[in-house]
Amino acid sequence: MTADSPRIDAAAGTTGAGLMSRLFARAWSGSVLPVVIVTAAIFAVWYAATIWMNAPFQRDIYARSDTTYSTSDLVRATLSQERPVLPAPHQVAQEVNKTVFQTRITSKRSLIYHARITLSSTLLGFLMGTTLGILLSIGIIHSRALDKSLMPWIITSQTIPILAIAPMVIFFPLLSAW
């Protein structure tokens, strides 16, 4: 055993306490610490906003029942309202658990059911867009008339941001139906 080799702890099967401190320091010195800090800040802001947004309704409940309450009672009640204005993170987690794992997949209250519908619509749109793109490209390559008439419109459409095109695609067909 050389002076540079680590000492093996026979009971734990790992190197000494230095390994744990090095692993801990390595994990927190890289990109883990900023992610943990930002995530904790997001959850703290979320909880604070939950209390702030749900407090007026809870105060009204206390006022109607002529109940005295402390700040801790108000905070506890705002975080456990049945139908809050802004649900707390733990309420969202409970609802996701309920609608994903505890509800039948065929039920309309299941997130899996709705995810399947959304995915099928997305894939159908992708397939339709891909097919149209391939057919247009074949037509443009083989027909000079299509090339001259469609290419300026295609080039123009690539310069417009999608956020500007989406409302036009949605609303113009509705307006033309009137």
C-alpha atoms as a PDB file:
ATOM      1  CA  MET A   1       0.000   0.000   0.000  1.00  0.00           C
ATOM      2  CA  THR A   2       1.500   3.277  -1.099  1.00  0.00           C
ATOM      3  CA  ALA A   3       1.115   6.615   0.596  1.00  0.00           C
ATOM      4  CA  ASP A   4      -1.198   7.840  -2.208  1.00  0.00           C
ATOM      5  CA  SER A   5      -3.674   4.925  -2.081  1.00  0.00           C
ATOM      6  CA  PRO A   6      -6.821   5.480  -0.018  1.00  0.00           C
ATOM      7  CA  ARG A   7      -7.422   3.539   3.157  1.00  0.00           C
ATOM      8  CA  ILE A   8     -10.269   1.017   2.748  1.00  0.00           C
ATOM      9  CA  ASP A   9     -12.749   0.840   5.597  1.00  0.00           C
ATOM     10  CA  ALA A  10     -13.469  -2.870   5.953  1.00  0.00           C
ATOM     11  CA  ALA A  11     -16.803  -2.412   7.753  1.00  0.00           C
ATOM     12  CA  ALA A  12     -18.314   0.031   5.259  1.00  0.00           C
ATOM     13  CA  GLY A  13     -16.561  -1.295   2.167  1.00  0.00           C
ATOM     14  CA  THR A  14     -15.608   2.230   1.128  1.00  0.00           C
ATOM     15  CA  THR A  15     -12.691   4.495   1.686  1.00  0.00           C
ATOM     16  CA  GLY A  16     -12.608   6.588   4.839  1.00  0.00           C
ATOM     17  CA  ALA A  17     -14.587   9.690   5.734  1.00  0.00           C
ATOM     18  CA  GLY A  18     -12.603  11.597   3.157  1.00  0.00           C
ATOM     19  CA  LEU A  19     -14.502   9.887   0.349  1.00  0.00           C
ATOM     20  CA  MET A  20     -17.872  11.069   1.648  1.00  0.00           C
ATOM     21  CA  SER A  21     -16.664  14.620   2.088  1.00  0.00           C
ATOM     22  CA  ARG A  22     -15.107  14.604  -1.387  1.00  0.00           C
ATOM     23  CA  LEU A  23     -18.279  13.217  -2.978  1.00  0.00           C
ATOM     24  CA  PHE A  24     -20.393  15.737  -1.096  1.00  0.00           C
ATOM     25  CA  ALA A  25     -18.102  18.609  -2.071  1.00  0.00           C
ATOM     26  CA  ARG A  26     -17.989  17.452  -5.687  1.00  0.00           C
ATOM     27  CA  ALA A  27     -21.784  17.176  -5.958  1.00  0.00           C
ATOM     28  CA  TRP A  28     -22.406  20.579  -4.436  1.00  0.00           C
ATOM     29  CA  SER A  29     -19.557  22.414  -6.185  1.00  0.00           C
ATOM     30  CA  GLY A  30     -20.691  21.630  -9.724  1.00  0.00           C
ATOM     31  CA  SER A  31     -24.097  22.191 -11.187  1.00  0.00           C
ATOM     32  CA  VAL A  32     -26.140  20.573  -8.398  1.00  0.00           C
ATOM     33  CA  LEU A  33     -26.089  23.458  -5.918  1.00  0.00           C
ATOM     34  CA  PRO A  34     -27.476  26.126  -8.284  1.00  0.00           C
ATOM     35  CA  VAL A  35     -30.276  23.789  -9.385  1.00  0.00           C
ATOM     36  CA  VAL A  36     -31.195  22.996  -5.776  1.00  0.00           C
ATOM     37  CA  ILE A  37     -31.162  26.687  -4.826  1.00  0.00           C
ATOM     38  CA  VAL A  38     -33.326  27.747  -7.788  1.00  0.00           C
ATOM     39  CA  THR A  39     -35.770  24.874  -7.193  1.00  0.00           C
ATOM     40  CA  ALA A  40     -36.046  25.744  -3.510  1.00  0.00           C
ATOM     41  CA  ALA A  41     -36.618  29.411  -4.397  1.00  0.00           C
ATOM     42  CA  ILE A  42     -39.379  28.486  -6.864  1.00  0.00           C
ATOM     43  CA  PHE A  43     -41.120  26.346  -4.239  1.00  0.00           C
ATOM     44  CA  ALA A  44     -40.742  29.080  -1.597  1.00  0.00           C
ATOM     45  CA  VAL A  45     -42.283  31.681  -3.926  1.00  0.00           C
ATOM     46  CA  TRP A  46     -45.039  29.216  -4.855  1.00  0.00           C
ATOM     47  CA  TYR A  47     -45.920  28.550  -1.206  1.00  0.00           C
ATOM     48  CA  ALA A  48     -45.845  32.279  -0.404  1.00  0.00           C
ATOM     49  CA  ALA A  49     -48.108  33.037  -3.374  1.00  0.00           C
ATOM     50  CA  THR A  50     -50.452  30.239  -2.302  1.00  0.00           C
ATOM     51  CA  ILE A  51     -50.831  31.744   1.152  1.00  0.00           C
ATOM     52  CA  TRP A  52     -51.239  35.281  -0.222  1.00  0.00           C
ATOM     53  CA  MET A  53     -53.820  34.332  -2.872  1.00  0.00           C
ATOM     54  CA  ASN A  54     -55.876  31.973  -0.694  1.00  0.00           C
ATOM     55  CA  ALA A  55     -55.875  34.130   2.449  1.00  0.00           C
ATOM     56  CA  PRO A  56     -58.779  36.485   1.501  1.00  0.00           C
ATOM     57  CA  PHE A  57     -61.189  33.586   1.025  1.00  0.00           C
ATOM     58  CA  GLN A  58     -60.030  31.958   4.261  1.00  0.00           C
ATOM     59  CA  ARG A  59     -60.467  35.254   6.141  1.00  0.00           C
ATOM     60  CA  ASP A  60     -64.017  35.464   4.787  1.00  0.00           C
ATOM     61  CA  ILE A  61     -64.695  31.940   6.055  1.00  0.00           C
ATOM     62  CA  TYR A  62     -63.375  32.892   9.491  1.00  0.00           C
ATOM     63  CA  ALA A  63     -65.410  36.134   9.487  1.00  0.00           C
ATOM     64  CA  ARG A  64     -68.656  34.373   8.511  1.00  0.00           C
ATOM     65  CA  SER A  65     -68.225  31.778  11.244  1.00  0.00           C
ATOM     66  CA  ASP A  66     -67.106  34.460  13.740  1.00  0.00           C
ATOM     67  CA  THR A  67     -63.926  32.512  14.497  1.00  0.00           C
ATOM     68  CA  THR A  68     -60.765  33.986  15.949  1.00  0.00           C
ATOM     69  CA  TYR A  69     -57.599  32.770  14.306  1.00  0.00           C
ATOM     70  CA  SER A  70     -53.861  33.133  14.520  1.00  0.00           C
ATOM     71  CA  THR A  71     -51.415  33.574  11.662  1.00  0.00           C
ATOM     72  CA  SER A  72     -50.396  29.918  11.866  1.00  0.00           C
ATOM     73  CA  ASP A  73     -54.078  28.891  11.672  1.00  0.00           C
ATOM     74  CA  LEU A  74     -54.523  31.063   8.592  1.00  0.00           C
ATOM     75  CA  VAL A  75     -51.408  29.655   6.912  1.00  0.00           C
ATOM     76  CA  ARG A  76     -52.401  26.062   7.704  1.00  0.00           C
ATOM     77  CA  ALA A  77     -55.932  26.653   6.390  1.00  0.00           C
ATOM     78  CA  THR A  78     -54.784  28.369   3.181  1.00  0.00           C
ATOM     79  CA  LEU A  79     -52.463  25.464   2.392  1.00  0.00           C
ATOM     80  CA  SER A  80     -55.245  22.899   2.828  1.00  0.00           C
ATOM     81  CA  GLN A  81     -58.258  24.498   1.167  1.00  0.00           C
ATOM     82  CA  GLU A  82     -60.421  22.121  -0.819  1.00  0.00           C
ATOM     83  CA  ARG A  83     -60.746  24.387  -3.890  1.00  0.00           C
ATOM     84  CA  PRO A  84     -57.974  27.000  -3.610  1.00  0.00           C
ATOM     85  CA  VAL A  85     -57.355  29.894  -5.972  1.00  0.00           C
ATOM     86  CA  LEU A  86     -53.737  28.727  -6.237  1.00  0.00           C
ATOM     87  CA  PRO A  87     -53.048  25.177  -5.048  1.00  0.00           C
ATOM     88  CA  ALA A  88     -49.914  24.501  -3.040  1.00  0.00           C
ATOM     89  CA  PRO A  89     -47.193  22.237  -4.502  1.00  0.00           C
ATOM     90  CA  HIS A  90     -48.152  19.358  -2.212  1.00  0.00           C
ATOM     91  CA  GLN A  91     -51.785  19.636  -3.362  1.00  0.00           C
ATOM     92  CA  VAL A  92     -50.685  19.501  -7.000  1.00  0.00           C
ATOM     93  CA  ALA A  93     -48.537  16.431  -6.256  1.00  0.00           C
ATOM     94  CA  GLN A  94     -51.461  14.717  -4.526  1.00  0.00           C
ATOM     95  CA  GLU A  95     -53.771  15.443  -7.462  1.00  0.00           C
ATOM     96  CA  VAL A  96     -51.221  14.184  -9.998  1.00  0.00           C
ATOM     97  CA  ASN A  97     -50.779  11.020  -7.931  1.00  0.00           C
ATOM     98  CA  LYS A  98     -54.556  10.566  -7.812  1.00  0.00           C
ATOM     99  CA  THR A  99     -55.194  11.185 -11.514  1.00  0.00           C
ATOM    100  CA  VAL A 100     -52.201   9.232 -12.813  1.00  0.00           C
ATOM    101  CA  PHE A 101     -51.799   6.274 -10.481  1.00  0.00           C
ATOM    102  CA  GLN A 102     -55.119   5.822  -8.700  1.00  0.00           C
ATOM    103  CA  THR A 103     -57.545   6.375 -11.585  1.00  0.00           C
ATOM    104  CA  ARG A 104     -58.295   3.867 -14.323  1.00  0.00           C
ATOM    105  CA  ILE A 105     -56.603   4.726 -17.619  1.00  0.00           C
ATOM    106  CA  THR A 106     -59.933   4.607 -19.454  1.00  0.00           C
ATOM    107  CA  SER A 107     -61.558   7.118 -17.088  1.00  0.00           C
ATOM    108  CA  LYS A 108     -62.000  10.667 -18.387  1.00  0.00           C
ATOM    109  CA  ARG A 109     -60.547  11.903 -15.074  1.00  0.00           C
ATOM    110  CA  SER A 110     -57.214  10.208 -15.800  1.00  0.00           C
ATOM    111  CA  LEU A 111     -54.269  12.291 -16.980  1.00  0.00           C
ATOM    112  CA  ILE A 112     -53.037   9.257 -18.913  1.00  0.00           C
ATOM    113  CA  TYR A 113     -56.324   9.217 -20.885  1.00  0.00           C
ATOM    114  CA  HIS A 114     -55.914  12.895 -21.806  1.00  0.00           C
ATOM    115  CA  ALA A 115     -52.191  12.490 -22.513  1.00  0.00           C
ATOM    116  CA  ARG A 116     -53.068   9.729 -24.996  1.00  0.00           C
ATOM    117  CA  ILE A 117     -55.598  11.990 -26.748  1.00  0.00           C
ATOM    118  CA  THR A 118     -53.116  14.885 -26.878  1.00  0.00           C
ATOM    119  CA  LEU A 119     -50.323  12.633 -28.139  1.00  0.00           C
ATOM    120  CA  SER A 120     -52.522  11.153 -30.869  1.00  0.00           C
ATOM    121  CA  SER A 121     -53.538  14.655 -32.043  1.00  0.00           C
ATOM    122  CA  THR A 122     -49.911  15.776 -31.995  1.00  0.00           C
ATOM    123  CA  LEU A 123     -48.718  12.758 -33.956  1.00  0.00           C
ATOM    124  CA  LEU A 124     -51.546  13.144 -36.492  1.00  0.00           C
ATOM    125  CA  GLY A 125     -50.626  16.806 -37.010  1.00  0.00           C
ATOM    126  CA  PHE A 126     -46.954  15.902 -37.348  1.00  0.00           C
ATOM    127  CA  LEU A 127     -47.794  13.184 -39.883  1.00  0.00           C
ATOM    128  CA  MET A 128     -50.038  15.533 -41.887  1.00  0.00           C
ATOM    129  CA  GLY A 129     -47.408  18.293 -41.878  1.00  0.00           C
ATOM    130  CA  THR A 130     -44.637  15.895 -42.877  1.00  0.00           C
ATOM    131  CA  THR A 131     -46.727  14.423 -45.695  1.00  0.00           C
ATOM    132  CA  LEU A 132     -47.701  17.864 -47.006  1.00  0.00           C
ATOM    133  CA  GLY A 133     -44.074  19.028 -46.814  1.00  0.00           C
ATOM    134  CA  ILE A 134     -42.778  16.005 -48.694  1.00  0.00           C
ATOM    135  CA  LEU A 135     -45.462  16.292 -51.383  1.00  0.00           C
ATOM    136  CA  LEU A 136     -44.824  20.030 -51.818  1.00  0.00           C
ATOM    137  CA  SER A 137     -41.070  19.498 -52.051  1.00  0.00           C
ATOM    138  CA  ILE A 138     -41.499  16.791 -54.688  1.00  0.00           C
ATOM    139  CA  GLY A 139     -43.887  19.056 -56.611  1.00  0.00           C
ATOM    140  CA  ILE A 140     -41.538  22.042 -56.393  1.00  0.00           C
ATOM    141  CA  ILE A 141     -38.578  19.989 -57.607  1.00  0.00           C
ATOM    142  CA  HIS A 142     -40.425  18.510 -60.583  1.00  0.00           C
ATOM    143  CA  SER A 143     -42.624  21.458 -61.637  1.00  0.00           C
ATOM    144  CA  ARG A 144     -41.185  24.809 -62.588  1.00  0.00           C
ATOM    145  CA  ALA A 145     -44.622  26.453 -62.208  1.00  0.00           C
ATOM    146  CA  LEU A 146     -44.924  25.275 -58.582  1.00  0.00           C
ATOM    147  CA  ASP A 147     -41.366  26.396 -57.949  1.00  0.00           C
ATOM    148  CA  LYS A 148     -42.025  29.911 -59.249  1.00  0.00           C
ATOM    149  CA  SER A 149     -45.421  30.269 -57.539  1.00  0.00           C
ATOM    150  CA  LEU A 150     -44.815  28.627 -54.140  1.00  0.00           C
ATOM    151  CA  MET A 151     -41.170  29.356 -53.302  1.00  0.00           C
ATOM    152  CA  PRO A 152     -41.678  33.096 -52.584  1.00  0.00           C
ATOM    153  CA  TRP A 153     -44.509  32.234 -50.172  1.00  0.00           C
ATOM    154  CA  ILE A 154     -42.488  29.484 -48.515  1.00  0.00           C
ATOM    155  CA  ILE A 155     -39.474  31.770 -48.071  1.00  0.00           C
ATOM    156  CA  THR A 156     -41.712  34.537 -46.692  1.00  0.00           C
ATOM    157  CA  SER A 157     -43.353  32.132 -44.253  1.00  0.00           C
ATOM    158  CA  GLN A 158     -39.930  31.230 -42.855  1.00  0.00           C
ATOM    159  CA  THR A 159     -39.195  34.838 -41.923  1.00  0.00           C
ATOM    160  CA  ILE A 160     -42.382  35.271 -39.851  1.00  0.00           C
ATOM    161  CA  PRO A 161     -42.209  34.026 -36.239  1.00  0.00           C
ATOM    162  CA  ILE A 162     -44.536  31.137 -35.394  1.00  0.00           C
ATOM    163  CA  LEU A 163     -46.124  33.214 -32.633  1.00  0.00           C
ATOM    164  CA  ALA A 164     -47.387  35.614 -35.286  1.00  0.00           C
ATOM    165  CA  ILE A 165     -48.656  32.879 -37.609  1.00  0.00           C
ATOM    166  CA  ALA A 166     -50.520  30.798 -35.007  1.00  0.00           C
ATOM    167  CA  PRO A 167     -53.319  33.316 -34.277  1.00  0.00           C
ATOM    168  CA  MET A 168     -53.856  33.847 -38.005  1.00  0.00           C
ATOM    169  CA  VAL A 169     -54.139  30.123 -38.636  1.00  0.00           C
ATOM    170  CA  ILE A 170     -56.631  29.783 -35.784  1.00  0.00           C
ATOM    171  CA  PHE A 171     -58.787  32.893 -36.256  1.00  0.00           C
ATOM    172  CA  PHE A 172     -58.907  33.521 -40.014  1.00  0.00           C
ATOM    173  CA  PRO A 173     -60.825  30.297 -40.804  1.00  0.00           C
ATOM    174  CA  LEU A 174     -63.282  31.211 -38.050  1.00  0.00           C
ATOM    175  CA  LEU A 175     -63.760  34.715 -39.464  1.00  0.00           C
ATOM    176  CA  SER A 176     -64.240  33.449 -43.004  1.00  0.00           C
ATOM    177  CA  ALA A 177     -66.983  31.077 -41.798  1.00  0.00           C
ATOM    178  CA  TRP A 178     -69.089  34.075 -40.716  1.00  0.00           C
END
